[in-house]
């Protein structure tokens, strides 16, 4: 399934238009550790197990998790699908910045460039304070990493990217995300830095859920 179509399916769930039975969440290993339950697990769509990371390009903890999460996903690539959802906190003072970052992420996803450029965006935003929140600034950055200007702009302006960006905020509410980064496993359990161990402990917590 196209990544943006998967996002659209999640958004339909978030809006309440798709009703599915809530599967019982499995027992949580190491109670009191990093793993937490979600009251209303989301539907599972993948044949493989699915892990969904909620992140923000201007979040230091999200950047800290990126390399360990990539390594974790590579280790489990035969049985786990990793997806990402850019965070948009509706009504927050960061909302417009986050919408700009989300639009850039979905543009890269549309172009099939997330795996190559995800860490590069973090470094541009966090370390060089590069503005990528508008079409103009995002396009200027994209050209520095070898993307074709016309293809990038076409994807940035596409209805699929626009829709995914608009619907991103509802996903945080639907999946009870209150901290970044958060990784959901099989739609029913979440792993977060605050649940002991910080970012460094998250890959091990994820291992306990998928092994």
C-alpha atoms as a PDB file:
ATOM      1  CA  UNK A   1       0.000   0.000   0.000  1.00  0.00           C
ATOM      2  CA  UNK A   2       1.220   3.507  -0.823  1.00  0.00           C
ATOM      3  CA  UNK A   3       2.613   5.175   2.342  1.00  0.00           C
ATOM      4  CA  UNK A   4       0.349   8.189   2.000  1.00  0.00           C
ATOM      5  CA  UNK A   5      -2.652   5.924   1.471  1.00  0.00           C
ATOM      6  CA  UNK A   6      -1.759   4.145   4.705  1.00  0.00           C
ATOM      7  CA  UNK A   7      -1.697   7.541   6.406  1.00  0.00           C
ATOM      8  CA  UNK A   8      -5.106   8.331   4.962  1.00  0.00           C
ATOM      9  CA  UNK A   9      -6.470   5.072   6.367  1.00  0.00           C
ATOM     10  CA  UNK A  10      -5.115   6.001   9.788  1.00  0.00           C
ATOM     11  CA  UNK A  11      -6.736   9.401   9.494  1.00  0.00           C
ATOM     12  CA  UNK A  12     -10.105   7.846   8.699  1.00  0.00           C
ATOM     13  CA  UNK A  13      -9.756   5.815  11.862  1.00  0.00           C
ATOM     14  CA  UNK A  14      -8.878   8.956  13.795  1.00  0.00           C
ATOM     15  CA  UNK A  15     -11.978  10.724  12.557  1.00  0.00           C
ATOM     16  CA  UNK A  16     -14.188   7.877  13.712  1.00  0.00           C
ATOM     17  CA  UNK A  17     -15.380   6.980  10.219  1.00  0.00           C
ATOM     18  CA  UNK A  18     -13.903   3.493  10.354  1.00  0.00           C
ATOM     19  CA  UNK A  19     -15.074   1.247  13.187  1.00  0.00           C
ATOM     20  CA  UNK A  20     -13.208  -1.955  13.974  1.00  0.00           C
ATOM     21  CA  UNK A  21     -13.259  -4.249  16.995  1.00  0.00           C
ATOM     22  CA  UNK A  22     -10.562  -3.323  19.500  1.00  0.00           C
ATOM     23  CA  UNK A  23      -8.187  -6.231  19.860  1.00  0.00           C
ATOM     24  CA  UNK A  24      -7.140  -7.094  23.378  1.00  0.00           C
ATOM     25  CA  UNK A  25      -3.661  -5.770  24.092  1.00  0.00           C
ATOM     26  CA  UNK A  26      -1.158  -8.482  25.014  1.00  0.00           C
ATOM     27  CA  UNK A  27       0.393  -8.612  28.435  1.00  0.00           C
ATOM     28  CA  UNK A  28       3.015  -5.921  28.888  1.00  0.00           C
ATOM     29  CA  UNK A  29       6.492  -7.264  29.645  1.00  0.00           C
ATOM     30  CA  UNK A  30       8.444  -5.675  32.486  1.00  0.00           C
ATOM     31  CA  UNK A  31       5.530  -3.721  33.959  1.00  0.00           C
ATOM     32  CA  UNK A  32       6.696  -0.327  35.155  1.00  0.00           C
ATOM     33  CA  UNK A  33       9.342  -0.112  32.462  1.00  0.00           C
ATOM     34  CA  UNK A  34       9.198   1.595  29.101  1.00  0.00           C
ATOM     35  CA  UNK A  35       6.137  -0.166  27.739  1.00  0.00           C
ATOM     36  CA  UNK A  36       2.687   1.370  28.156  1.00  0.00           C
ATOM     37  CA  UNK A  37      -0.794   0.357  27.092  1.00  0.00           C
ATOM     38  CA  UNK A  38      -3.181   2.265  24.877  1.00  0.00           C
ATOM     39  CA  UNK A  39      -6.777   2.221  26.070  1.00  0.00           C
ATOM     40  CA  UNK A  40      -8.258   1.764  22.596  1.00  0.00           C
ATOM     41  CA  UNK A  41      -5.803  -0.058  20.324  1.00  0.00           C
ATOM     42  CA  UNK A  42      -5.887   0.858  16.667  1.00  0.00           C
ATOM     43  CA  UNK A  43      -6.648  -1.674  13.926  1.00  0.00           C
ATOM     44  CA  UNK A  44      -3.755  -3.687  12.515  1.00  0.00           C
ATOM     45  CA  UNK A  45      -3.363  -3.635   8.744  1.00  0.00           C
ATOM     46  CA  UNK A  46       0.050  -5.164   8.084  1.00  0.00           C
ATOM     47  CA  UNK A  47       0.852  -8.857   7.649  1.00  0.00           C
ATOM     48  CA  UNK A  48       4.102  -8.136   9.463  1.00  0.00           C
ATOM     49  CA  UNK A  49       4.064  -6.625  12.915  1.00  0.00           C
ATOM     50  CA  UNK A  50       3.840  -2.853  12.657  1.00  0.00           C
ATOM     51  CA  UNK A  51       5.707  -0.172  14.593  1.00  0.00           C
ATOM     52  CA  UNK A  52       4.657   3.460  14.133  1.00  0.00           C
ATOM     53  CA  UNK A  53       6.953   6.272  15.269  1.00  0.00           C
ATOM     54  CA  UNK A  54       5.540   9.711  16.060  1.00  0.00           C
ATOM     55  CA  UNK A  55       8.299  12.331  15.778  1.00  0.00           C
ATOM     56  CA  UNK A  56       9.067  15.997  15.117  1.00  0.00           C
ATOM     57  CA  UNK A  57      12.068  17.280  13.211  1.00  0.00           C
ATOM     58  CA  UNK A  58      12.728  19.966  15.850  1.00  0.00           C
ATOM     59  CA  UNK A  59      12.608  17.504  18.770  1.00  0.00           C
ATOM     60  CA  UNK A  60      16.026  16.605  20.163  1.00  0.00           C
ATOM     61  CA  UNK A  61      14.806  13.276  21.524  1.00  0.00           C
ATOM     62  CA  UNK A  62      13.326  12.374  18.139  1.00  0.00           C
ATOM     63  CA  UNK A  63      16.676  13.069  16.513  1.00  0.00           C
ATOM     64  CA  UNK A  64      18.464  11.052  19.205  1.00  0.00           C
ATOM     65  CA  UNK A  65      16.233   8.056  18.464  1.00  0.00           C
ATOM     66  CA  UNK A  66      16.636   8.168  14.684  1.00  0.00           C
ATOM     67  CA  UNK A  67      19.848   6.166  14.267  1.00  0.00           C
ATOM     68  CA  UNK A  68      19.015   3.545  16.954  1.00  0.00           C
ATOM     69  CA  UNK A  69      15.522   3.182  15.465  1.00  0.00           C
ATOM     70  CA  UNK A  70      16.914   2.695  11.963  1.00  0.00           C
ATOM     71  CA  UNK A  71      19.233  -0.010  13.298  1.00  0.00           C
ATOM     72  CA  UNK A  72      16.370  -1.624  15.197  1.00  0.00           C
ATOM     73  CA  UNK A  73      14.183  -1.631  12.080  1.00  0.00           C
ATOM     74  CA  UNK A  74      16.974  -3.169  10.026  1.00  0.00           C
ATOM     75  CA  UNK A  75      17.423  -5.924  12.623  1.00  0.00           C
ATOM     76  CA  UNK A  76      13.709  -6.739  12.480  1.00  0.00           C
ATOM     77  CA  UNK A  77      13.070  -6.026   8.801  1.00  0.00           C
ATOM     78  CA  UNK A  78      11.897  -9.590   8.110  1.00  0.00           C
ATOM     79  CA  UNK A  79       9.026  -9.390  10.588  1.00  0.00           C
ATOM     80  CA  UNK A  80       8.381  -5.712  11.415  1.00  0.00           C
ATOM     81  CA  UNK A  81       7.222  -2.807   9.255  1.00  0.00           C
ATOM     82  CA  UNK A  82       8.326   0.618  10.537  1.00  0.00           C
ATOM     83  CA  UNK A  83       6.235   3.646   9.645  1.00  0.00           C
ATOM     84  CA  UNK A  84       6.585   7.244  10.743  1.00  0.00           C
ATOM     85  CA  UNK A  85       4.027   9.937  11.496  1.00  0.00           C
ATOM     86  CA  UNK A  86       5.132  13.587  11.879  1.00  0.00           C
ATOM     87  CA  UNK A  87       3.644  15.205  14.967  1.00  0.00           C
ATOM     88  CA  UNK A  88       1.292  18.183  14.675  1.00  0.00           C
ATOM     89  CA  UNK A  89      -0.010  19.488  18.005  1.00  0.00           C
ATOM     90  CA  UNK A  90      -3.215  21.275  16.995  1.00  0.00           C
ATOM     91  CA  UNK A  91      -3.642  24.548  18.878  1.00  0.00           C
ATOM     92  CA  UNK A  92      -0.053  24.698  20.121  1.00  0.00           C
ATOM     93  CA  UNK A  93       2.331  27.543  19.445  1.00  0.00           C
ATOM     94  CA  UNK A  94       4.421  25.155  17.342  1.00  0.00           C
ATOM     95  CA  UNK A  95       1.509  24.059  15.151  1.00  0.00           C
ATOM     96  CA  UNK A  96       2.440  26.010  12.020  1.00  0.00           C
ATOM     97  CA  UNK A  97       6.081  24.961  12.215  1.00  0.00           C
ATOM     98  CA  UNK A  98       5.029  21.365  12.727  1.00  0.00           C
ATOM     99  CA  UNK A  99       2.656  21.530   9.772  1.00  0.00           C
ATOM    100  CA  UNK A 100       5.528  22.738   7.617  1.00  0.00           C
ATOM    101  CA  UNK A 101       7.748  19.925   8.841  1.00  0.00           C
ATOM    102  CA  UNK A 102       4.957  17.393   8.323  1.00  0.00           C
ATOM    103  CA  UNK A 103       4.457  18.581   4.756  1.00  0.00           C
ATOM    104  CA  UNK A 104       8.162  18.152   4.069  1.00  0.00           C
ATOM    105  CA  UNK A 105       8.096  14.647   5.537  1.00  0.00           C
ATOM    106  CA  UNK A 106       5.108  13.562   3.454  1.00  0.00           C
ATOM    107  CA  UNK A 107       6.718  15.073   0.361  1.00  0.00           C
ATOM    108  CA  UNK A 108       9.833  12.975   0.955  1.00  0.00           C
ATOM    109  CA  UNK A 109       7.637   9.940   1.538  1.00  0.00           C
ATOM    110  CA  UNK A 110       5.813  10.568  -1.732  1.00  0.00           C
ATOM    111  CA  UNK A 111       9.184  10.718  -3.492  1.00  0.00           C
ATOM    112  CA  UNK A 112      10.503   7.582  -1.783  1.00  0.00           C
ATOM    113  CA  UNK A 113      13.312   9.548  -0.132  1.00  0.00           C
ATOM    114  CA  UNK A 114      12.579   9.145   3.596  1.00  0.00           C
ATOM    115  CA  UNK A 115      15.126   6.392   4.218  1.00  0.00           C
ATOM    116  CA  UNK A 116      17.884   8.413   2.570  1.00  0.00           C
ATOM    117  CA  UNK A 117      17.045  11.833   3.949  1.00  0.00           C
ATOM    118  CA  UNK A 118      15.291  11.476   7.315  1.00  0.00           C
ATOM    119  CA  UNK A 119      18.457  12.023   9.338  1.00  0.00           C
ATOM    120  CA  UNK A 120      19.544  14.807   6.986  1.00  0.00           C
ATOM    121  CA  UNK A 121      16.359  16.749   7.759  1.00  0.00           C
ATOM    122  CA  UNK A 122      16.946  16.384  11.496  1.00  0.00           C
ATOM    123  CA  UNK A 123      20.476  17.717  11.115  1.00  0.00           C
ATOM    124  CA  UNK A 124      19.362  20.611   8.938  1.00  0.00           C
ATOM    125  CA  UNK A 125      16.628  21.658  11.366  1.00  0.00           C
ATOM    126  CA  UNK A 126      18.314  20.890  14.688  1.00  0.00           C
ATOM    127  CA  UNK A 127      21.975  21.579  14.009  1.00  0.00           C
ATOM    128  CA  UNK A 128      21.937  24.226  11.276  1.00  0.00           C
ATOM    129  CA  UNK A 129      18.573  25.814  12.161  1.00  0.00           C
ATOM    130  CA  UNK A 130      17.457  25.566   8.542  1.00  0.00           C
ATOM    131  CA  UNK A 131      13.933  26.802   7.848  1.00  0.00           C
ATOM    132  CA  UNK A 132      12.047  24.141   5.866  1.00  0.00           C
ATOM    133  CA  UNK A 133       8.513  25.184   6.804  1.00  0.00           C
ATOM    134  CA  UNK A 134       7.406  26.728   3.503  1.00  0.00           C
ATOM    135  CA  UNK A 135       7.425  25.518  -0.075  1.00  0.00           C
ATOM    136  CA  UNK A 136      10.216  27.927  -0.936  1.00  0.00           C
ATOM    137  CA  UNK A 137      12.507  27.072   1.962  1.00  0.00           C
ATOM    138  CA  UNK A 138      11.789  23.347   1.722  1.00  0.00           C
ATOM    139  CA  UNK A 139      12.538  23.364  -2.015  1.00  0.00           C
ATOM    140  CA  UNK A 140      15.773  25.267  -1.465  1.00  0.00           C
ATOM    141  CA  UNK A 141      16.881  22.669   1.077  1.00  0.00           C
ATOM    142  CA  UNK A 142      15.770  19.779  -1.145  1.00  0.00           C
ATOM    143  CA  UNK A 143      17.999  21.011  -3.950  1.00  0.00           C
ATOM    144  CA  UNK A 144      21.018  20.920  -1.616  1.00  0.00           C
ATOM    145  CA  UNK A 145      20.520  17.166  -1.120  1.00  0.00           C
ATOM    146  CA  UNK A 146      20.159  16.349  -4.793  1.00  0.00           C
ATOM    147  CA  UNK A 147      16.396  16.381  -5.311  1.00  0.00           C
ATOM    148  CA  UNK A 148      14.959  17.673  -8.552  1.00  0.00           C
ATOM    149  CA  UNK A 149      13.236  21.002  -8.010  1.00  0.00           C
ATOM    150  CA  UNK A 150      10.266  20.316 -10.271  1.00  0.00           C
ATOM    151  CA  UNK A 151       9.614  16.813  -8.914  1.00  0.00           C
ATOM    152  CA  UNK A 152       9.885  18.065  -5.353  1.00  0.00           C
ATOM    153  CA  UNK A 153       7.462  20.930  -5.922  1.00  0.00           C
ATOM    154  CA  UNK A 154       4.985  18.669  -7.700  1.00  0.00           C
ATOM    155  CA  UNK A 155       4.975  16.267  -4.756  1.00  0.00           C
ATOM    156  CA  UNK A 156       4.835  19.118  -2.224  1.00  0.00           C
ATOM    157  CA  UNK A 157       1.749  20.555  -3.927  1.00  0.00           C
ATOM    158  CA  UNK A 158       0.023  17.199  -4.472  1.00  0.00           C
ATOM    159  CA  UNK A 159      -3.401  16.556  -2.983  1.00  0.00           C
ATOM    160  CA  UNK A 160      -2.118  13.416  -1.246  1.00  0.00           C
ATOM    161  CA  UNK A 161       0.583  15.340   0.618  1.00  0.00           C
ATOM    162  CA  UNK A 162      -1.817  18.158   1.462  1.00  0.00           C
ATOM    163  CA  UNK A 163      -4.405  15.724   2.829  1.00  0.00           C
ATOM    164  CA  UNK A 164      -1.870  13.768   4.878  1.00  0.00           C
ATOM    165  CA  UNK A 165      -0.544  17.000   6.394  1.00  0.00           C
ATOM    166  CA  UNK A 166      -4.029  18.214   7.302  1.00  0.00           C
ATOM    167  CA  UNK A 167      -4.905  14.916   8.952  1.00  0.00           C
ATOM    168  CA  UNK A 168      -1.688  14.437  10.936  1.00  0.00           C
ATOM    169  CA  UNK A 169      -2.958  16.260  14.020  1.00  0.00           C
ATOM    170  CA  UNK A 170      -5.903  13.921  14.464  1.00  0.00           C
ATOM    171  CA  UNK A 171      -3.593  10.925  14.662  1.00  0.00           C
ATOM    172  CA  UNK A 172      -1.939  12.225  17.839  1.00  0.00           C
ATOM    173  CA  UNK A 173      -5.334  12.385  19.519  1.00  0.00           C
ATOM    174  CA  UNK A 174      -6.524   9.027  18.215  1.00  0.00           C
ATOM    175  CA  UNK A 175      -3.406   7.240  19.411  1.00  0.00           C
ATOM    176  CA  UNK A 176      -3.095   9.164  22.699  1.00  0.00           C
ATOM    177  CA  UNK A 177       0.368  10.484  21.891  1.00  0.00           C
ATOM    178  CA  UNK A 178       1.481  12.899  24.598  1.00  0.00           C
ATOM    179  CA  UNK A 179       5.260  12.685  24.251  1.00  0.00           C
ATOM    180  CA  UNK A 180       7.851  12.619  21.481  1.00  0.00           C
ATOM    181  CA  UNK A 181       9.164  10.352  20.276  1.00  0.00           C
ATOM    182  CA  UNK A 182       6.498   7.705  20.799  1.00  0.00           C
ATOM    183  CA  UNK A 183       6.556   4.327  19.060  1.00  0.00           C
ATOM    184  CA  UNK A 184       3.372   2.258  18.870  1.00  0.00           C
ATOM    185  CA  UNK A 185       3.579  -1.490  18.331  1.00  0.00           C
ATOM    186  CA  UNK A 186       0.659  -3.274  16.697  1.00  0.00           C
ATOM    187  CA  UNK A 187      -1.545  -0.261  17.447  1.00  0.00           C
ATOM    188  CA  UNK A 188      -1.937  -1.278  21.087  1.00  0.00           C
ATOM    189  CA  UNK A 189       1.212  -0.583  23.081  1.00  0.00           C
ATOM    190  CA  UNK A 190       3.549   2.386  23.178  1.00  0.00           C
ATOM    191  CA  UNK A 191       7.184   2.962  24.036  1.00  0.00           C
ATOM    192  CA  UNK A 192       8.301   6.412  25.250  1.00  0.00           C
ATOM    193  CA  UNK A 193      11.434   7.971  26.799  1.00  0.00           C
ATOM    194  CA  UNK A 194       9.736   8.905  30.075  1.00  0.00           C
ATOM    195  CA  UNK A 195       8.845   5.333  30.984  1.00  0.00           C
ATOM    196  CA  UNK A 196      12.344   4.648  32.381  1.00  0.00           C
ATOM    197  CA  UNK A 197      15.524   4.371  30.395  1.00  0.00           C
ATOM    198  CA  UNK A 198      15.079   7.445  28.215  1.00  0.00           C
ATOM    199  CA  UNK A 199      15.633   7.303  24.473  1.00  0.00           C
ATOM    200  CA  UNK A 200      18.533   4.877  24.931  1.00  0.00           C
ATOM    201  CA  UNK A 201      16.213   2.269  26.421  1.00  0.00           C
ATOM    202  CA  UNK A 202      13.557   2.387  23.716  1.00  0.00           C
ATOM    203  CA  UNK A 203      15.067  -0.157  21.269  1.00  0.00           C
ATOM    204  CA  UNK A 204      15.310  -2.790  24.010  1.00  0.00           C
ATOM    205  CA  UNK A 205      11.700  -2.128  25.002  1.00  0.00           C
ATOM    206  CA  UNK A 206      10.654  -2.524  21.377  1.00  0.00           C
ATOM    207  CA  UNK A 207      12.574  -5.792  21.198  1.00  0.00           C
ATOM    208  CA  UNK A 208      10.518  -7.175  24.073  1.00  0.00           C
ATOM    209  CA  UNK A 209       7.320  -6.444  22.179  1.00  0.00           C
ATOM    210  CA  UNK A 210       8.239  -7.949  18.828  1.00  0.00           C
ATOM    211  CA  UNK A 211      10.498 -10.883  19.758  1.00  0.00           C
END
